[in-house]
């Protein structure tokens, strides 16, 4: 299991602009050079996740594909359930600490999300769905918990925390781990850099 938690750090960018970059699939490669594609397998009703004082922004099952970080490593794919919550007053976002839902339609009859209560902009974890086979040539990683928080502290500044705990489900050389894991910790920081660059120059790269 690979675990990564980046302590809170400051970013010189508007929180709303950073969120917009992270939510735009067309800009994903600005923050994750290994990313190939994202597909929403099933959007689930937000009413299935209800916590007093919080509003569900997104709830669904998502699959993603990633390029191999090195020649000796197979490309990875993931199948996760993703939840995003925002406080009703709009000042905070939060991960569901323990939730269970079920219903008609999802690949799994029951999807369970269990984790410690972290304040996160987005959280996701792997689910099992035998009907959704692993793409040929890929290895399906297991994500125990992944997410990030973005909190505005000023109109042009925000703070962020990034959390990622996963099992690559196969051998990955230590030099590759030492290179890719810190790079993933900078995902939100890269989004902030892209947003600020666009504000100043009108260009994303």
N, C-alpha and C. Protein backbone atom coordinates (compact mmCIF):
# COMPACT_ATOMS: atom_id res chain seq x y z
N UNK A 1 0.84 -1.19 0.00
CA UNK A 1 0.00 0.00 0.00
C UNK A 1 0.88 1.24 0.00
N UNK A 2 0.62 2.14 -0.93
CA UNK A 2 1.35 3.40 -0.99
C UNK A 2 0.48 4.48 -0.38
N UNK A 3 1.02 5.17 0.64
CA UNK A 3 0.25 6.21 1.32
C UNK A 3 0.97 7.54 1.19
N UNK A 4 0.18 8.57 0.95
CA UNK A 4 0.75 9.89 0.78
C UNK A 4 -0.21 10.91 1.35
N UNK A 5 0.29 11.73 2.25
CA UNK A 5 -0.51 12.84 2.77
C UNK A 5 0.37 14.07 2.78
N UNK A 6 0.02 15.04 1.99
CA UNK A 6 0.77 16.28 1.90
C UNK A 6 0.19 17.25 2.92
N UNK A 7 1.00 17.76 3.90
CA UNK A 7 0.48 18.72 4.86
C UNK A 7 -0.07 19.96 4.15
N UNK A 8 -0.91 20.71 4.84
CA UNK A 8 -1.50 21.90 4.24
C UNK A 8 -0.43 22.88 3.80
N UNK A 9 -0.59 23.43 2.62
CA UNK A 9 0.33 24.46 2.14
C UNK A 9 -0.45 25.51 1.37
N UNK A 10 0.14 26.69 1.26
CA UNK A 10 -0.53 27.83 0.66
C UNK A 10 -0.29 27.89 -0.84
N UNK A 11 -1.32 28.34 -1.57
CA UNK A 11 -1.23 28.51 -3.01
C UNK A 11 -1.63 29.93 -3.38
N UNK A 12 -0.86 30.52 -4.27
CA UNK A 12 -1.14 31.89 -4.70
C UNK A 12 -2.09 31.87 -5.88
N UNK A 13 -3.34 31.48 -5.62
CA UNK A 13 -4.35 31.42 -6.68
C UNK A 13 -5.73 31.41 -6.03
N UNK A 14 -6.72 31.84 -6.80
CA UNK A 14 -8.11 31.85 -6.34
C UNK A 14 -8.62 30.42 -6.20
N UNK A 15 -9.24 30.10 -5.08
CA UNK A 15 -9.72 28.73 -4.84
C UNK A 15 -10.71 28.30 -5.91
N UNK A 16 -11.60 29.18 -6.31
CA UNK A 16 -12.61 28.83 -7.31
C UNK A 16 -11.95 28.52 -8.65
N UNK A 17 -10.89 29.24 -9.01
CA UNK A 17 -10.19 29.00 -10.27
C UNK A 17 -9.47 27.66 -10.24
N UNK A 18 -8.90 27.30 -9.08
CA UNK A 18 -8.21 26.02 -8.94
C UNK A 18 -9.21 24.88 -9.08
N UNK A 19 -10.38 25.01 -8.44
CA UNK A 19 -11.41 23.98 -8.55
C UNK A 19 -11.85 23.81 -10.00
N UNK A 20 -11.96 24.92 -10.72
CA UNK A 20 -12.41 24.87 -12.11
C UNK A 20 -11.41 24.09 -12.98
N UNK A 21 -10.12 24.28 -12.73
CA UNK A 21 -9.09 23.54 -13.49
C UNK A 21 -9.19 22.05 -13.20
N UNK A 22 -9.33 21.69 -11.93
CA UNK A 22 -9.38 20.28 -11.54
C UNK A 22 -10.65 19.60 -12.05
N UNK A 23 -11.72 20.35 -12.25
CA UNK A 23 -12.99 19.76 -12.69
C UNK A 23 -13.10 19.66 -14.21
N UNK A 24 -12.17 20.25 -14.93
CA UNK A 24 -12.23 20.28 -16.39
C UNK A 24 -11.40 19.14 -16.99
N UNK A 25 -12.03 18.13 -17.60
CA UNK A 25 -11.28 17.01 -18.18
C UNK A 25 -10.27 17.45 -19.25
N UNK A 26 -10.57 18.54 -19.95
CA UNK A 26 -9.67 19.01 -21.00
C UNK A 26 -8.36 19.56 -20.43
N UNK A 27 -8.33 19.82 -19.13
CA UNK A 27 -7.13 20.38 -18.52
C UNK A 27 -6.44 19.38 -17.59
N UNK A 28 -6.91 18.13 -17.61
CA UNK A 28 -6.37 17.13 -16.69
C UNK A 28 -4.87 16.90 -16.87
N UNK A 29 -4.39 16.95 -18.11
CA UNK A 29 -2.97 16.70 -18.36
C UNK A 29 -2.08 17.80 -17.81
N UNK A 30 -2.66 18.94 -17.48
CA UNK A 30 -1.88 20.01 -16.86
C UNK A 30 -1.48 19.64 -15.44
N UNK A 31 -2.27 18.77 -14.83
CA UNK A 31 -2.03 18.40 -13.43
C UNK A 31 -1.54 16.97 -13.26
N UNK A 32 -1.79 16.10 -14.26
CA UNK A 32 -1.40 14.69 -14.16
C UNK A 32 -0.91 14.21 -15.53
N UNK A 33 0.40 14.19 -15.75
CA UNK A 33 0.95 13.80 -17.06
C UNK A 33 0.69 12.34 -17.43
N UNK A 34 0.34 11.49 -16.45
CA UNK A 34 0.10 10.08 -16.73
C UNK A 34 -1.36 9.80 -17.07
N UNK A 35 -2.23 10.76 -16.85
CA UNK A 35 -3.66 10.55 -17.10
C UNK A 35 -3.94 10.36 -18.59
N UNK A 36 -4.82 9.40 -18.91
CA UNK A 36 -5.23 9.17 -20.29
C UNK A 36 -6.70 9.48 -20.53
N UNK A 37 -7.57 8.97 -19.65
CA UNK A 37 -9.00 9.20 -19.88
C UNK A 37 -9.79 9.00 -18.59
N UNK A 38 -10.97 9.62 -18.56
CA UNK A 38 -11.92 9.47 -17.46
C UNK A 38 -13.30 9.23 -18.05
N UNK A 39 -14.01 8.25 -17.52
CA UNK A 39 -15.36 7.96 -18.00
C UNK A 39 -16.29 7.76 -16.81
N UNK A 40 -17.38 8.48 -16.79
CA UNK A 40 -18.40 8.30 -15.75
C UNK A 40 -19.25 7.10 -16.15
N UNK A 41 -19.07 6.00 -15.44
CA UNK A 41 -19.81 4.77 -15.75
C UNK A 41 -21.27 4.91 -15.38
N UNK A 42 -21.53 5.50 -14.24
CA UNK A 42 -22.91 5.70 -13.80
C UNK A 42 -22.97 6.88 -12.83
N UNK A 43 -23.81 7.85 -13.16
CA UNK A 43 -24.10 8.93 -12.23
C UNK A 43 -25.23 8.46 -11.33
N UNK A 44 -25.04 8.57 -10.03
CA UNK A 44 -26.03 8.12 -9.07
C UNK A 44 -26.75 9.32 -8.45
N UNK A 45 -28.00 9.15 -8.02
CA UNK A 45 -28.76 10.27 -7.44
C UNK A 45 -28.07 10.84 -6.20
N UNK A 46 -27.88 12.13 -6.19
CA UNK A 46 -27.21 12.77 -5.06
C UNK A 46 -28.01 12.62 -3.76
N UNK A 47 -29.32 12.39 -3.88
CA UNK A 47 -30.15 12.25 -2.69
C UNK A 47 -29.80 11.01 -1.88
N UNK A 48 -29.04 10.08 -2.48
CA UNK A 48 -28.66 8.86 -1.75
C UNK A 48 -27.57 9.15 -0.71
N UNK A 49 -26.91 10.29 -0.83
CA UNK A 49 -25.91 10.70 0.17
C UNK A 49 -26.43 11.96 0.84
N UNK A 50 -26.95 11.82 2.05
CA UNK A 50 -27.54 12.94 2.75
C UNK A 50 -26.90 13.10 4.13
N UNK A 51 -26.29 14.25 4.36
CA UNK A 51 -25.72 14.58 5.65
C UNK A 51 -26.17 15.99 6.00
N UNK A 52 -26.71 16.17 7.18
CA UNK A 52 -27.24 17.46 7.57
C UNK A 52 -26.16 18.54 7.51
N UNK A 53 -26.49 19.62 6.87
CA UNK A 53 -25.56 20.73 6.77
C UNK A 53 -24.64 20.66 5.56
N UNK A 54 -24.80 19.59 4.74
CA UNK A 54 -23.92 19.41 3.59
C UNK A 54 -24.74 19.13 2.34
N UNK A 55 -24.20 19.55 1.20
CA UNK A 55 -24.86 19.34 -0.10
C UNK A 55 -23.97 18.46 -0.98
N UNK A 56 -24.54 17.42 -1.55
CA UNK A 56 -23.78 16.53 -2.43
C UNK A 56 -23.65 17.16 -3.81
N UNK A 57 -22.40 17.35 -4.24
CA UNK A 57 -22.13 17.93 -5.55
C UNK A 57 -22.01 16.86 -6.63
N UNK A 58 -21.47 15.72 -6.25
CA UNK A 58 -21.24 14.66 -7.24
C UNK A 58 -21.26 13.32 -6.54
N UNK A 59 -21.89 12.35 -7.16
CA UNK A 59 -21.93 10.99 -6.63
C UNK A 59 -22.03 10.05 -7.83
N UNK A 60 -21.06 9.19 -8.00
CA UNK A 60 -21.12 8.28 -9.14
C UNK A 60 -19.95 7.33 -9.19
N UNK A 61 -19.99 6.46 -10.19
CA UNK A 61 -18.94 5.47 -10.42
C UNK A 61 -18.13 5.90 -11.63
N UNK A 62 -16.83 5.94 -11.46
CA UNK A 62 -15.95 6.49 -12.49
C UNK A 62 -14.80 5.53 -12.76
N UNK A 63 -14.42 5.41 -14.03
CA UNK A 63 -13.23 4.65 -14.38
C UNK A 63 -12.21 5.57 -15.03
N UNK A 64 -10.94 5.36 -14.71
CA UNK A 64 -9.87 6.19 -15.28
C UNK A 64 -8.73 5.30 -15.75
N UNK A 65 -8.00 5.79 -16.76
CA UNK A 65 -6.84 5.08 -17.27
C UNK A 65 -5.61 5.98 -17.19
N UNK A 66 -4.48 5.34 -16.89
CA UNK A 66 -3.23 6.09 -16.75
C UNK A 66 -2.11 5.41 -17.53
N UNK A 67 -1.25 6.21 -18.13
CA UNK A 67 -0.10 5.68 -18.84
C UNK A 67 0.89 5.06 -17.87
N UNK A 68 1.73 4.16 -18.38
CA UNK A 68 2.78 3.56 -17.56
C UNK A 68 3.84 4.62 -17.25
N UNK A 69 4.28 4.72 -16.00
CA UNK A 69 5.29 5.73 -15.65
C UNK A 69 6.70 5.33 -16.08
N UNK A 70 6.87 4.06 -16.47
CA UNK A 70 8.18 3.57 -16.92
C UNK A 70 7.96 2.35 -17.81
N UNK A 71 8.97 2.00 -18.60
CA UNK A 71 8.87 0.89 -19.55
C UNK A 71 8.58 -0.43 -18.85
N UNK A 72 9.12 -0.59 -17.63
CA UNK A 72 9.00 -1.87 -16.92
C UNK A 72 7.70 -1.96 -16.12
N UNK A 73 6.83 -0.97 -16.22
CA UNK A 73 5.60 -0.94 -15.44
C UNK A 73 4.40 -0.91 -16.39
N UNK A 74 3.37 -1.71 -16.09
CA UNK A 74 2.16 -1.73 -16.92
C UNK A 74 1.32 -0.48 -16.66
N UNK A 75 0.56 -0.03 -17.66
CA UNK A 75 -0.36 1.08 -17.43
C UNK A 75 -1.45 0.65 -16.45
N UNK A 76 -2.01 1.61 -15.74
CA UNK A 76 -3.01 1.32 -14.72
C UNK A 76 -4.39 1.85 -15.10
N UNK A 77 -5.40 1.16 -14.51
CA UNK A 77 -6.78 1.62 -14.65
C UNK A 77 -7.40 1.55 -13.26
N UNK A 78 -8.40 2.38 -13.03
CA UNK A 78 -9.07 2.37 -11.72
C UNK A 78 -10.57 2.43 -11.92
N UNK A 79 -11.29 1.84 -10.97
CA UNK A 79 -12.76 1.88 -10.95
C UNK A 79 -13.15 2.31 -9.55
N UNK A 80 -13.70 3.51 -9.43
CA UNK A 80 -13.94 4.07 -8.11
C UNK A 80 -15.34 4.62 -7.98
N UNK A 81 -15.78 4.74 -6.74
CA UNK A 81 -16.99 5.50 -6.44
C UNK A 81 -16.51 6.85 -5.91
N UNK A 82 -17.08 7.91 -6.43
CA UNK A 82 -16.60 9.26 -6.13
C UNK A 82 -17.73 10.08 -5.51
N UNK A 83 -17.39 10.77 -4.42
CA UNK A 83 -18.35 11.63 -3.73
C UNK A 83 -17.72 12.98 -3.45
N UNK A 84 -18.47 14.04 -3.70
CA UNK A 84 -18.04 15.37 -3.33
C UNK A 84 -19.16 16.06 -2.57
N UNK A 85 -18.81 16.66 -1.44
CA UNK A 85 -19.79 17.35 -0.60
C UNK A 85 -19.33 18.78 -0.35
N UNK A 86 -20.28 19.67 -0.19
CA UNK A 86 -19.96 21.05 0.14
C UNK A 86 -20.92 21.51 1.24
N UNK A 87 -20.38 22.28 2.20
CA UNK A 87 -21.23 22.75 3.29
C UNK A 87 -22.28 23.70 2.74
N UNK A 88 -23.43 23.73 3.39
CA UNK A 88 -24.54 24.56 2.93
C UNK A 88 -24.15 26.03 2.90
N UNK A 89 -23.31 26.47 3.85
CA UNK A 89 -22.91 27.87 3.88
C UNK A 89 -21.82 28.18 2.86
N UNK A 90 -21.32 27.14 2.16
CA UNK A 90 -20.37 27.36 1.08
C UNK A 90 -18.94 27.58 1.52
N UNK A 91 -18.65 27.41 2.81
CA UNK A 91 -17.29 27.71 3.29
C UNK A 91 -16.41 26.48 3.42
N UNK A 92 -17.03 25.30 3.46
CA UNK A 92 -16.24 24.09 3.69
C UNK A 92 -16.69 22.97 2.75
N UNK A 93 -15.80 22.03 2.56
CA UNK A 93 -16.13 20.82 1.84
C UNK A 93 -15.67 19.64 2.68
N UNK A 94 -16.31 18.49 2.51
CA UNK A 94 -16.00 17.38 3.42
C UNK A 94 -16.20 16.03 2.79
N UNK A 95 -15.37 15.10 3.20
CA UNK A 95 -15.50 13.69 2.87
C UNK A 95 -16.52 13.02 3.77
N UNK A 96 -17.35 12.16 3.19
CA UNK A 96 -18.28 11.38 3.99
C UNK A 96 -17.49 10.43 4.88
N UNK A 97 -17.56 10.51 6.23
CA UNK A 97 -16.76 9.64 7.08
C UNK A 97 -17.17 8.18 7.02
N UNK A 98 -18.47 7.91 6.89
CA UNK A 98 -18.93 6.52 6.78
C UNK A 98 -20.30 6.52 6.14
N UNK A 99 -20.40 5.95 4.96
CA UNK A 99 -21.68 5.94 4.27
C UNK A 99 -21.89 4.63 3.56
N UNK A 100 -23.13 4.23 3.42
CA UNK A 100 -23.46 3.01 2.68
C UNK A 100 -24.72 3.29 1.90
N UNK A 101 -24.71 2.93 0.66
CA UNK A 101 -25.88 3.16 -0.16
C UNK A 101 -26.10 1.98 -1.09
N UNK A 102 -27.29 1.87 -1.62
CA UNK A 102 -27.59 0.83 -2.58
C UNK A 102 -28.76 1.24 -3.44
N UNK A 103 -29.04 0.48 -4.47
CA UNK A 103 -30.15 0.84 -5.34
C UNK A 103 -30.09 0.07 -6.63
N UNK A 104 -30.99 0.37 -7.51
CA UNK A 104 -31.07 -0.32 -8.78
C UNK A 104 -30.16 0.34 -9.80
N UNK A 105 -29.45 -0.43 -10.53
CA UNK A 105 -28.68 0.13 -11.63
C UNK A 105 -27.17 0.06 -11.51
N UNK A 106 -26.56 0.44 -10.34
CA UNK A 106 -25.11 0.42 -10.25
C UNK A 106 -24.55 -0.96 -10.48
N UNK A 107 -23.31 -1.08 -10.99
CA UNK A 107 -22.70 -2.39 -11.24
C UNK A 107 -22.65 -3.25 -9.98
N UNK A 108 -22.52 -2.64 -8.82
CA UNK A 108 -22.51 -3.39 -7.57
C UNK A 108 -23.83 -3.13 -6.85
N UNK A 109 -24.44 -4.16 -6.26
CA UNK A 109 -25.69 -3.94 -5.56
C UNK A 109 -25.53 -3.04 -4.36
N UNK A 110 -24.34 -3.10 -3.72
CA UNK A 110 -24.07 -2.23 -2.58
C UNK A 110 -22.67 -1.66 -2.72
N UNK A 111 -22.58 -0.35 -2.52
CA UNK A 111 -21.29 0.33 -2.57
C UNK A 111 -21.04 0.92 -1.19
N UNK A 112 -19.86 0.67 -0.66
CA UNK A 112 -19.57 1.11 0.69
C UNK A 112 -18.35 2.01 0.70
N UNK A 113 -18.47 3.15 1.35
CA UNK A 113 -17.35 4.07 1.53
C UNK A 113 -17.11 4.22 3.01
N UNK A 114 -15.93 3.84 3.45
CA UNK A 114 -15.59 3.97 4.87
C UNK A 114 -14.19 4.53 4.98
N UNK A 115 -14.06 5.61 5.72
CA UNK A 115 -12.76 6.22 5.91
C UNK A 115 -12.83 7.17 7.09
N UNK A 116 -11.67 7.66 7.52
CA UNK A 116 -11.64 8.66 8.57
C UNK A 116 -12.21 9.97 8.03
N UNK A 117 -12.71 10.78 8.95
CA UNK A 117 -13.31 12.05 8.54
C UNK A 117 -12.21 13.05 8.19
N UNK A 118 -11.99 13.26 6.91
CA UNK A 118 -11.05 14.25 6.41
C UNK A 118 -11.86 15.34 5.73
N UNK A 119 -11.41 16.56 5.82
CA UNK A 119 -12.08 17.65 5.12
C UNK A 119 -11.54 17.67 3.70
N UNK A 120 -12.33 17.26 2.75
CA UNK A 120 -11.87 17.10 1.38
C UNK A 120 -12.80 17.73 0.37
N UNK A 121 -12.22 18.25 -0.69
CA UNK A 121 -12.99 18.76 -1.83
C UNK A 121 -13.60 17.58 -2.58
N UNK A 122 -12.86 16.51 -2.67
CA UNK A 122 -13.32 15.32 -3.38
C UNK A 122 -12.74 14.09 -2.71
N UNK A 123 -13.49 13.01 -2.69
CA UNK A 123 -12.97 11.75 -2.16
C UNK A 123 -13.46 10.61 -3.04
N UNK A 124 -12.63 9.60 -3.18
CA UNK A 124 -13.01 8.44 -3.97
C UNK A 124 -12.29 7.21 -3.45
N UNK A 125 -12.87 6.03 -3.72
CA UNK A 125 -12.22 4.78 -3.37
C UNK A 125 -12.68 3.70 -4.33
N UNK A 126 -11.89 2.64 -4.43
CA UNK A 126 -12.18 1.58 -5.38
C UNK A 126 -13.42 0.79 -4.99
N UNK A 127 -14.08 0.25 -6.02
CA UNK A 127 -15.21 -0.66 -5.82
C UNK A 127 -15.01 -1.85 -6.75
N UNK A 128 -15.67 -2.95 -6.43
CA UNK A 128 -15.59 -4.15 -7.26
C UNK A 128 -16.83 -4.22 -8.15
N UNK A 129 -16.59 -4.45 -9.43
CA UNK A 129 -17.68 -4.60 -10.38
C UNK A 129 -17.24 -5.60 -11.44
N UNK A 130 -17.48 -6.89 -11.21
CA UNK A 130 -17.04 -7.93 -12.15
C UNK A 130 -17.51 -7.71 -13.59
N UNK A 131 -18.64 -7.01 -13.75
CA UNK A 131 -19.15 -6.79 -15.10
C UNK A 131 -18.31 -5.80 -15.89
N UNK A 132 -17.49 -5.00 -15.18
CA UNK A 132 -16.64 -4.02 -15.85
C UNK A 132 -15.21 -4.56 -15.85
N UNK A 133 -14.84 -5.23 -16.91
CA UNK A 133 -13.55 -5.90 -16.98
C UNK A 133 -12.40 -4.89 -17.09
N UNK A 134 -11.24 -5.32 -16.65
CA UNK A 134 -10.03 -4.51 -16.78
C UNK A 134 -9.63 -4.45 -18.26
N UNK A 135 -9.36 -3.27 -18.81
CA UNK A 135 -8.98 -3.17 -20.22
C UNK A 135 -7.72 -4.00 -20.51
N UNK A 136 -7.66 -4.58 -21.68
CA UNK A 136 -6.53 -5.41 -22.06
C UNK A 136 -5.23 -4.61 -21.98
N UNK A 137 -4.23 -5.21 -21.33
CA UNK A 137 -2.94 -4.57 -21.21
C UNK A 137 -2.79 -3.69 -19.98
N UNK A 138 -3.90 -3.49 -19.22
CA UNK A 138 -3.87 -2.64 -18.03
C UNK A 138 -3.92 -3.50 -16.76
N UNK A 139 -3.52 -2.89 -15.66
CA UNK A 139 -3.63 -3.49 -14.33
C UNK A 139 -4.52 -2.57 -13.51
N UNK A 140 -5.53 -3.12 -12.85
CA UNK A 140 -6.44 -2.29 -12.05
C UNK A 140 -5.88 -2.06 -10.65
N UNK A 141 -5.58 -0.83 -10.35
CA UNK A 141 -5.08 -0.48 -9.03
C UNK A 141 -6.24 -0.45 -8.03
N UNK A 142 -5.92 -0.51 -6.75
CA UNK A 142 -6.92 -0.44 -5.69
C UNK A 142 -6.70 0.84 -4.90
N UNK A 143 -7.67 1.72 -4.93
CA UNK A 143 -7.58 2.98 -4.22
C UNK A 143 -8.34 2.86 -2.90
N UNK A 144 -7.60 2.90 -1.80
CA UNK A 144 -8.23 2.81 -0.48
C UNK A 144 -8.94 4.11 -0.14
N UNK A 145 -8.29 5.21 -0.44
CA UNK A 145 -8.88 6.53 -0.21
C UNK A 145 -8.04 7.57 -0.92
N UNK A 146 -8.68 8.43 -1.67
CA UNK A 146 -7.97 9.51 -2.33
C UNK A 146 -8.83 10.76 -2.31
N UNK A 147 -8.21 11.91 -2.10
CA UNK A 147 -9.00 13.13 -2.08
C UNK A 147 -8.13 14.35 -1.85
N UNK A 148 -8.76 15.50 -1.94
CA UNK A 148 -8.05 16.75 -1.69
C UNK A 148 -9.01 17.79 -1.14
N UNK A 149 -8.45 18.76 -0.46
CA UNK A 149 -9.20 19.88 0.08
C UNK A 149 -8.65 21.17 -0.51
N UNK A 150 -9.54 22.07 -0.85
CA UNK A 150 -9.14 23.43 -1.25
C UNK A 150 -9.96 24.39 -0.42
N UNK A 151 -9.30 25.26 0.29
CA UNK A 151 -10.00 26.20 1.18
C UNK A 151 -9.52 27.63 0.89
N UNK A 152 -10.44 28.50 0.58
CA UNK A 152 -10.09 29.89 0.31
C UNK A 152 -9.71 30.60 1.61
N UNK A 153 -8.59 31.33 1.58
CA UNK A 153 -8.17 32.11 2.74
C UNK A 153 -8.14 33.59 2.40
N UNK A 154 -8.22 33.91 1.11
CA UNK A 154 -8.26 35.28 0.61
C UNK A 154 -8.76 35.22 -0.83
N UNK A 155 -9.16 36.34 -1.41
CA UNK A 155 -9.66 36.31 -2.79
C UNK A 155 -8.67 35.71 -3.79
N UNK A 156 -7.38 35.86 -3.52
CA UNK A 156 -6.37 35.38 -4.46
C UNK A 156 -5.44 34.34 -3.85
N UNK A 157 -5.87 33.73 -2.74
CA UNK A 157 -5.04 32.71 -2.09
C UNK A 157 -5.92 31.59 -1.53
N UNK A 158 -5.34 30.38 -1.45
CA UNK A 158 -6.06 29.25 -0.86
C UNK A 158 -5.06 28.29 -0.24
N UNK A 159 -5.56 27.38 0.57
CA UNK A 159 -4.74 26.32 1.13
C UNK A 159 -5.27 24.98 0.64
N UNK A 160 -4.40 23.98 0.65
CA UNK A 160 -4.82 22.67 0.16
C UNK A 160 -4.14 21.54 0.91
N UNK A 161 -4.82 20.40 0.96
CA UNK A 161 -4.27 19.15 1.51
C UNK A 161 -4.59 18.05 0.51
N UNK A 162 -3.62 17.17 0.26
CA UNK A 162 -3.82 16.08 -0.69
C UNK A 162 -3.59 14.75 0.02
N UNK A 163 -4.49 13.78 -0.17
CA UNK A 163 -4.41 12.47 0.46
C UNK A 163 -4.55 11.39 -0.61
N UNK A 164 -3.67 10.37 -0.56
CA UNK A 164 -3.76 9.28 -1.55
C UNK A 164 -3.21 8.01 -0.91
N UNK A 165 -4.02 6.97 -0.84
CA UNK A 165 -3.59 5.67 -0.32
C UNK A 165 -4.05 4.61 -1.31
N UNK A 166 -3.10 3.98 -1.98
CA UNK A 166 -3.47 3.03 -3.03
C UNK A 166 -2.54 1.83 -3.07
N UNK A 167 -3.05 0.76 -3.65
CA UNK A 167 -2.27 -0.44 -3.92
C UNK A 167 -2.16 -0.56 -5.44
N UNK A 168 -0.95 -0.42 -6.02
CA UNK A 168 -0.81 -0.50 -7.47
C UNK A 168 -1.13 -1.88 -8.03
N UNK A 169 -1.27 -2.87 -7.13
CA UNK A 169 -1.67 -4.23 -7.52
C UNK A 169 -0.66 -4.86 -8.47
N UNK A 170 0.59 -4.76 -8.08
CA UNK A 170 1.66 -5.32 -8.90
C UNK A 170 2.98 -4.65 -8.57
N UNK A 171 4.04 -5.17 -9.13
CA UNK A 171 5.38 -4.66 -8.82
C UNK A 171 5.62 -3.31 -9.47
N UNK A 172 6.09 -2.36 -8.66
CA UNK A 172 6.51 -1.05 -9.16
C UNK A 172 7.87 -0.76 -8.53
N UNK A 173 8.92 -0.59 -9.33
CA UNK A 173 10.26 -0.34 -8.78
C UNK A 173 10.28 0.90 -7.88
N UNK A 174 11.08 0.82 -6.82
CA UNK A 174 11.15 1.93 -5.87
C UNK A 174 11.52 3.26 -6.52
N UNK A 175 12.46 3.28 -7.48
CA UNK A 175 12.77 4.57 -8.12
C UNK A 175 11.55 5.20 -8.79
N UNK A 176 10.66 4.36 -9.35
CA UNK A 176 9.45 4.88 -9.98
C UNK A 176 8.50 5.43 -8.92
N UNK A 177 8.38 4.73 -7.79
CA UNK A 177 7.53 5.20 -6.69
C UNK A 177 8.04 6.55 -6.17
N UNK A 178 9.36 6.66 -6.00
CA UNK A 178 9.93 7.90 -5.47
C UNK A 178 9.73 9.07 -6.43
N UNK A 179 9.54 8.77 -7.69
CA UNK A 179 9.32 9.83 -8.68
C UNK A 179 7.85 10.19 -8.82
N UNK A 180 6.99 9.18 -8.91
CA UNK A 180 5.58 9.44 -9.21
C UNK A 180 4.77 9.91 -8.00
N UNK A 181 5.03 9.37 -6.81
CA UNK A 181 4.22 9.74 -5.65
C UNK A 181 4.36 11.22 -5.29
N UNK A 182 5.57 11.77 -5.19
CA UNK A 182 5.67 13.21 -4.91
C UNK A 182 5.03 14.04 -6.01
N UNK A 183 5.11 13.56 -7.25
CA UNK A 183 4.51 14.30 -8.35
C UNK A 183 2.99 14.35 -8.20
N UNK A 184 2.39 13.27 -7.74
CA UNK A 184 0.94 13.25 -7.52
C UNK A 184 0.55 14.18 -6.38
N UNK A 185 1.44 14.34 -5.41
CA UNK A 185 1.15 15.24 -4.29
C UNK A 185 1.05 16.69 -4.75
N UNK A 186 1.62 16.98 -5.92
CA UNK A 186 1.61 18.34 -6.44
C UNK A 186 0.44 18.59 -7.40
N UNK A 187 -0.51 17.65 -7.46
CA UNK A 187 -1.62 17.78 -8.39
C UNK A 187 -2.37 19.10 -8.22
N UNK A 188 -2.77 19.42 -7.00
CA UNK A 188 -3.54 20.64 -6.75
C UNK A 188 -2.66 21.87 -6.97
N UNK A 189 -1.39 21.77 -6.56
CA UNK A 189 -0.47 22.90 -6.76
C UNK A 189 -0.29 23.20 -8.25
N UNK A 190 -0.24 22.15 -9.08
CA UNK A 190 -0.14 22.35 -10.53
C UNK A 190 -1.38 23.03 -11.08
N UNK A 191 -2.55 22.67 -10.53
CA UNK A 191 -3.79 23.32 -10.95
C UNK A 191 -3.76 24.80 -10.60
N UNK A 192 -3.21 25.12 -9.43
CA UNK A 192 -3.10 26.52 -9.02
C UNK A 192 -2.16 27.29 -9.94
N UNK A 193 -1.05 26.67 -10.29
CA UNK A 193 -0.10 27.31 -11.20
C UNK A 193 -0.74 27.57 -12.56
N UNK A 194 -1.51 26.58 -13.06
CA UNK A 194 -2.16 26.74 -14.35
C UNK A 194 -3.20 27.86 -14.31
N UNK A 195 -3.98 27.91 -13.23
CA UNK A 195 -5.02 28.93 -13.10
C UNK A 195 -4.40 30.33 -13.03
N UNK A 196 -3.33 30.47 -12.29
CA UNK A 196 -2.68 31.77 -12.16
C UNK A 196 -2.00 32.17 -13.46
N UNK A 197 -1.40 31.21 -14.15
CA UNK A 197 -0.77 31.50 -15.45
C UNK A 197 -1.81 31.99 -16.46
N UNK A 198 -2.98 31.35 -16.43
CA UNK A 198 -4.04 31.75 -17.35
C UNK A 198 -4.57 33.14 -17.00
N UNK A 199 -4.65 33.46 -15.73
CA UNK A 199 -5.13 34.78 -15.31
C UNK A 199 -4.18 35.87 -15.79
N UNK A 200 -2.88 35.58 -15.74
CA UNK A 200 -1.90 36.60 -16.08
C UNK A 200 -1.63 36.71 -17.58
N UNK A 201 -1.65 35.55 -18.27
CA UNK A 201 -1.24 35.55 -19.69
C UNK A 201 -2.35 35.16 -20.66
N UNK A 202 -3.44 34.57 -20.13
CA UNK A 202 -4.50 34.09 -21.00
C UNK A 202 -4.18 32.75 -21.62
N UNK A 203 -3.05 32.15 -21.22
CA UNK A 203 -2.62 30.86 -21.76
C UNK A 203 -2.58 29.83 -20.65
N UNK A 204 -2.87 28.57 -21.02
CA UNK A 204 -2.86 27.49 -20.05
C UNK A 204 -1.49 26.85 -19.96
N UNK A 205 -0.66 26.97 -20.98
CA UNK A 205 0.68 26.38 -20.95
C UNK A 205 1.73 27.46 -21.17
